[in-house]
Amino acid sequence: MRRYFGTERSREAREALEQATPRERYHRWREFWSETDPDPATPGNEALYQYLNDVAAANSRLPEARMPGWLTERGKVYLTMGQPDKIRELRDDPTAGGQSLIRWQYREDDLTLYFVTDGGFGYQLTPTSRLEYAEALERKREAEGG
């Protein structure tokens, strides 16, 4: 959970939860819940529920041979940027040295990311896409206030 959930503002509560002793865990969990709950008037933490649903979706849609979907590079992008508006798979693309490419487009962020196969075990962002993703993620975090 700690990898992609919450904002920088909730980082301290997240770290305190991770480092809590068994005796502190209940109190730290309550702090974390409170810090990350977008609507305290409701009984649930909608942000946490959405994140867990996104993890489940990444696991079912993006599994790779070596790891569950949420731990893959595509899973990281999915969990931090959301579902792409358009996905296109380009098999044996000559511009990628005959490797398979997957293109994800995010219209609102004016972002197009390319993932290339890494020897048959999964997909990695191309170097250019990795830079563009980092910049887009930074803009998104700034816009969200954290």
C-alpha atoms as a PDB file:
ATOM      1  CA  MET A   1       0.000   0.000   0.000  1.00  0.00           C
ATOM      2  CA  ARG A   2       2.737   2.454   0.873  1.00  0.00           C
ATOM      3  CA  ARG A   3       4.097   2.686  -2.644  1.00  0.00           C
ATOM      4  CA  TYR A   4       1.407   4.721  -4.358  1.00  0.00           C
ATOM      5  CA  PHE A   5      -1.368   5.573  -1.913  1.00  0.00           C
ATOM      6  CA  GLY A   6      -1.930   8.997  -0.498  1.00  0.00           C
ATOM      7  CA  THR A   7      -0.327  12.342  -1.032  1.00  0.00           C
ATOM      8  CA  GLU A   8       2.907  13.758   0.281  1.00  0.00           C
ATOM      9  CA  ARG A   9       0.840  15.315   3.072  1.00  0.00           C
ATOM     10  CA  SER A  10      -0.203  11.859   4.261  1.00  0.00           C
ATOM     11  CA  ARG A  11       3.363  10.534   3.995  1.00  0.00           C
ATOM     12  CA  GLU A  12       4.132  11.063   7.695  1.00  0.00           C
ATOM     13  CA  ALA A  13       1.002   9.194   8.796  1.00  0.00           C
ATOM     14  CA  ARG A  14       1.807   6.411   6.321  1.00  0.00           C
ATOM     15  CA  GLU A  15       5.381   6.103   7.585  1.00  0.00           C
ATOM     16  CA  ALA A  16       4.231   6.131  11.224  1.00  0.00           C
ATOM     17  CA  LEU A  17       1.796   3.310  10.428  1.00  0.00           C
ATOM     18  CA  GLU A  18       4.515   1.264   8.747  1.00  0.00           C
ATOM     19  CA  GLN A  19       6.912   1.726  11.668  1.00  0.00           C
ATOM     20  CA  ALA A  20       4.332   1.209  14.427  1.00  0.00           C
ATOM     21  CA  THR A  21       4.919  -1.402  17.065  1.00  0.00           C
ATOM     22  CA  PRO A  22       2.042  -3.826  17.657  1.00  0.00           C
ATOM     23  CA  ARG A  23       1.058  -1.732  20.681  1.00  0.00           C
ATOM     24  CA  GLU A  24       0.923   1.513  18.613  1.00  0.00           C
ATOM     25  CA  ARG A  25      -0.691   0.048  15.519  1.00  0.00           C
ATOM     26  CA  TYR A  26      -4.334   0.803  16.399  1.00  0.00           C
ATOM     27  CA  HIS A  27      -3.595   4.463  17.163  1.00  0.00           C
ATOM     28  CA  ARG A  28      -1.402   4.878  14.061  1.00  0.00           C
ATOM     29  CA  TRP A  29      -3.988   3.211  11.862  1.00  0.00           C
ATOM     30  CA  ARG A  30      -6.634   5.678  13.095  1.00  0.00           C
ATOM     31  CA  GLU A  31      -4.293   8.599  12.324  1.00  0.00           C
ATOM     32  CA  PHE A  32      -3.612   7.223   8.865  1.00  0.00           C
ATOM     33  CA  TRP A  33      -7.332   6.669   8.209  1.00  0.00           C
ATOM     34  CA  SER A  34      -8.153  10.204   9.314  1.00  0.00           C
ATOM     35  CA  GLU A  35      -5.323  11.798   7.327  1.00  0.00           C
ATOM     36  CA  THR A  36      -6.271  10.058   4.072  1.00  0.00           C
ATOM     37  CA  ASP A  37     -10.086  10.136   4.305  1.00  0.00           C
ATOM     38  CA  PRO A  38     -11.443  12.664   1.775  1.00  0.00           C
ATOM     39  CA  ASP A  39     -14.903  12.760   3.407  1.00  0.00           C
ATOM     40  CA  PRO A  40     -14.824  12.248   7.186  1.00  0.00           C
ATOM     41  CA  ALA A  41     -18.631  12.573   7.305  1.00  0.00           C
ATOM     42  CA  THR A  42     -18.977   9.092   5.772  1.00  0.00           C
ATOM     43  CA  PRO A  43     -18.146   5.854   7.604  1.00  0.00           C
ATOM     44  CA  GLY A  44     -15.666   4.680   4.959  1.00  0.00           C
ATOM     45  CA  ASN A  45     -12.430   5.984   3.535  1.00  0.00           C
ATOM     46  CA  GLU A  46     -13.348   6.373  -0.111  1.00  0.00           C
ATOM     47  CA  ALA A  47      -9.781   7.093  -1.207  1.00  0.00           C
ATOM     48  CA  LEU A  48      -8.459   3.916   0.403  1.00  0.00           C
ATOM     49  CA  TYR A  49     -11.335   1.845  -1.009  1.00  0.00           C
ATOM     50  CA  GLN A  50     -10.669   3.269  -4.494  1.00  0.00           C
ATOM     51  CA  TYR A  51      -6.968   2.557  -4.170  1.00  0.00           C
ATOM     52  CA  LEU A  52      -7.594  -1.058  -3.140  1.00  0.00           C
ATOM     53  CA  ASN A  53     -10.017  -1.467  -6.063  1.00  0.00           C
ATOM     54  CA  ASP A  54      -7.339  -0.043  -8.382  1.00  0.00           C
ATOM     55  CA  VAL A  55      -4.767  -2.497  -6.993  1.00  0.00           C
ATOM     56  CA  ALA A  56      -7.171  -5.362  -7.676  1.00  0.00           C
ATOM     57  CA  ALA A  57      -7.791  -4.062 -11.203  1.00  0.00           C
ATOM     58  CA  ALA A  58      -4.045  -3.732 -11.865  1.00  0.00           C
ATOM     59  CA  ASN A  59      -3.525  -7.285 -10.625  1.00  0.00           C
ATOM     60  CA  SER A  60      -6.197  -8.678 -12.930  1.00  0.00           C
ATOM     61  CA  ARG A  61      -5.412  -6.534 -16.002  1.00  0.00           C
ATOM     62  CA  LEU A  62      -1.643  -6.123 -15.863  1.00  0.00           C
ATOM     63  CA  PRO A  63      -0.023  -9.295 -14.498  1.00  0.00           C
ATOM     64  CA  GLU A  64       3.453 -10.182 -15.665  1.00  0.00           C
ATOM     65  CA  ALA A  65       5.441 -13.374 -15.347  1.00  0.00           C
ATOM     66  CA  ARG A  66       7.553 -12.144 -12.464  1.00  0.00           C
ATOM     67  CA  MET A  67       5.081 -10.215 -10.311  1.00  0.00           C
ATOM     68  CA  PRO A  68       1.499  -9.145  -9.668  1.00  0.00           C
ATOM     69  CA  GLY A  69       0.148  -6.291 -11.772  1.00  0.00           C
ATOM     70  CA  TRP A  70       0.295  -3.582  -9.127  1.00  0.00           C
ATOM     71  CA  LEU A  71       4.068  -4.065  -8.763  1.00  0.00           C
ATOM     72  CA  THR A  72       4.799  -3.782 -12.490  1.00  0.00           C
ATOM     73  CA  GLU A  73       5.789  -0.573 -14.230  1.00  0.00           C
ATOM     74  CA  ARG A  74       2.403  -0.455 -15.961  1.00  0.00           C
ATOM     75  CA  GLY A  75       0.786  -0.994 -12.551  1.00  0.00           C
ATOM     76  CA  LYS A  76       2.717   1.915 -11.076  1.00  0.00           C
ATOM     77  CA  VAL A  77       1.532   4.202 -13.859  1.00  0.00           C
ATOM     78  CA  TYR A  78      -2.037   2.895 -13.558  1.00  0.00           C
ATOM     79  CA  LEU A  79      -2.112   3.482  -9.795  1.00  0.00           C
ATOM     80  CA  THR A  80      -0.575   6.954  -9.955  1.00  0.00           C
ATOM     81  CA  MET A  81      -2.086   8.346 -13.158  1.00  0.00           C
ATOM     82  CA  GLY A  82      -5.298   6.338 -13.418  1.00  0.00           C
ATOM     83  CA  GLN A  83      -6.841   4.393 -16.252  1.00  0.00           C
ATOM     84  CA  PRO A  84      -5.542   5.619 -19.620  1.00  0.00           C
ATOM     85  CA  ASP A  85      -8.097   7.035 -22.032  1.00  0.00           C
ATOM     86  CA  LYS A  86      -6.807   4.889 -24.855  1.00  0.00           C
ATOM     87  CA  ILE A  87      -4.603   1.803 -25.026  1.00  0.00           C
ATOM     88  CA  ARG A  88      -3.109   0.450 -28.213  1.00  0.00           C
ATOM     89  CA  GLU A  89      -0.879  -2.581 -28.526  1.00  0.00           C
ATOM     90  CA  LEU A  90       1.618  -2.585 -31.375  1.00  0.00           C
ATOM     91  CA  ARG A  91       3.124  -6.028 -31.901  1.00  0.00           C
ATOM     92  CA  ASP A  92       6.541  -6.449 -33.490  1.00  0.00           C
ATOM     93  CA  ASP A  93       6.842  -2.715 -34.077  1.00  0.00           C
ATOM     94  CA  PRO A  94       9.798  -1.888 -36.336  1.00  0.00           C
ATOM     95  CA  THR A  95      10.382   1.415 -34.496  1.00  0.00           C
ATOM     96  CA  ALA A  96      10.947  -0.620 -31.321  1.00  0.00           C
ATOM     97  CA  GLY A  97      13.444  -3.017 -32.862  1.00  0.00           C
ATOM     98  CA  GLY A  98      10.753  -5.590 -33.547  1.00  0.00           C
ATOM     99  CA  GLN A  99       9.603  -5.665 -29.926  1.00  0.00           C
ATOM    100  CA  SER A 100       6.016  -5.228 -28.845  1.00  0.00           C
ATOM    101  CA  LEU A 101       4.950  -1.767 -27.741  1.00  0.00           C
ATOM    102  CA  ILE A 102       1.944  -0.665 -25.764  1.00  0.00           C
ATOM    103  CA  ARG A 103       0.834   2.958 -26.035  1.00  0.00           C
ATOM    104  CA  TRP A 104      -1.193   4.572 -23.257  1.00  0.00           C
ATOM    105  CA  GLN A 105      -2.794   7.951 -23.869  1.00  0.00           C
ATOM    106  CA  TYR A 106      -4.035  10.355 -21.217  1.00  0.00           C
ATOM    107  CA  ARG A 107      -5.904  13.154 -22.967  1.00  0.00           C
ATOM    108  CA  GLU A 108      -6.442  15.396 -19.939  1.00  0.00           C
ATOM    109  CA  ASP A 109      -2.727  15.338 -19.125  1.00  0.00           C
ATOM    110  CA  ASP A 110      -1.693  15.574 -22.809  1.00  0.00           C
ATOM    111  CA  LEU A 111       0.453  12.515 -22.140  1.00  0.00           C
ATOM    112  CA  THR A 112       1.341   9.543 -24.317  1.00  0.00           C
ATOM    113  CA  LEU A 113       3.426   6.789 -22.753  1.00  0.00           C
ATOM    114  CA  TYR A 114       5.069   3.841 -24.467  1.00  0.00           C
ATOM    115  CA  PHE A 115       5.877   0.546 -22.806  1.00  0.00           C
ATOM    116  CA  VAL A 116       8.217  -1.891 -24.540  1.00  0.00           C
ATOM    117  CA  THR A 117       8.719  -5.580 -23.795  1.00  0.00           C
ATOM    118  CA  ASP A 118      11.706  -6.369 -21.631  1.00  0.00           C
ATOM    119  CA  GLY A 119      12.659  -9.745 -23.037  1.00  0.00           C
ATOM    120  CA  GLY A 120       9.298 -11.430 -22.729  1.00  0.00           C
ATOM    121  CA  PHE A 121       8.862 -10.971 -18.981  1.00  0.00           C
ATOM    122  CA  GLY A 122       6.883  -7.765 -18.999  1.00  0.00           C
ATOM    123  CA  TYR A 123       6.783  -4.164 -20.134  1.00  0.00           C
ATOM    124  CA  GLN A 124       8.912  -1.180 -19.167  1.00  0.00           C
ATOM    125  CA  LEU A 125       8.484   2.481 -19.993  1.00  0.00           C
ATOM    126  CA  THR A 126      10.754   3.675 -22.761  1.00  0.00           C
ATOM    127  CA  PRO A 127      13.387   6.154 -21.513  1.00  0.00           C
ATOM    128  CA  THR A 128      11.543   9.121 -23.031  1.00  0.00           C
ATOM    129  CA  SER A 129       8.222   7.955 -21.603  1.00  0.00           C
ATOM    130  CA  ARG A 130       9.819   7.484 -18.176  1.00  0.00           C
ATOM    131  CA  LEU A 131      10.844  11.157 -18.175  1.00  0.00           C
ATOM    132  CA  GLU A 132       7.457  12.334 -19.434  1.00  0.00           C
ATOM    133  CA  TYR A 133       5.697  10.208 -16.818  1.00  0.00           C
ATOM    134  CA  ALA A 134       7.847  11.660 -14.013  1.00  0.00           C
ATOM    135  CA  GLU A 135       7.060  15.200 -15.162  1.00  0.00           C
ATOM    136  CA  ALA A 136       3.326  14.468 -15.470  1.00  0.00           C
ATOM    137  CA  LEU A 137       3.256  12.844 -12.044  1.00  0.00           C
ATOM    138  CA  GLU A 138       4.988  15.836 -10.494  1.00  0.00           C
ATOM    139  CA  ARG A 139       2.436  18.191 -12.109  1.00  0.00           C
ATOM    140  CA  LYS A 140      -0.395  16.002 -10.846  1.00  0.00           C
ATOM    141  CA  ARG A 141       0.954  15.935  -7.291  1.00  0.00           C
ATOM    142  CA  GLU A 142       1.413  19.708  -7.302  1.00  0.00           C
ATOM    143  CA  ALA A 143      -2.158  20.164  -8.535  1.00  0.00           C
ATOM    144  CA  GLU A 144      -3.416  17.894  -5.746  1.00  0.00           C
ATOM    145  CA  GLY A 145      -1.575  19.952  -3.182  1.00  0.00           C
ATOM    146  CA  GLY A 146       0.987  17.424  -2.131  1.00  0.00           C
END
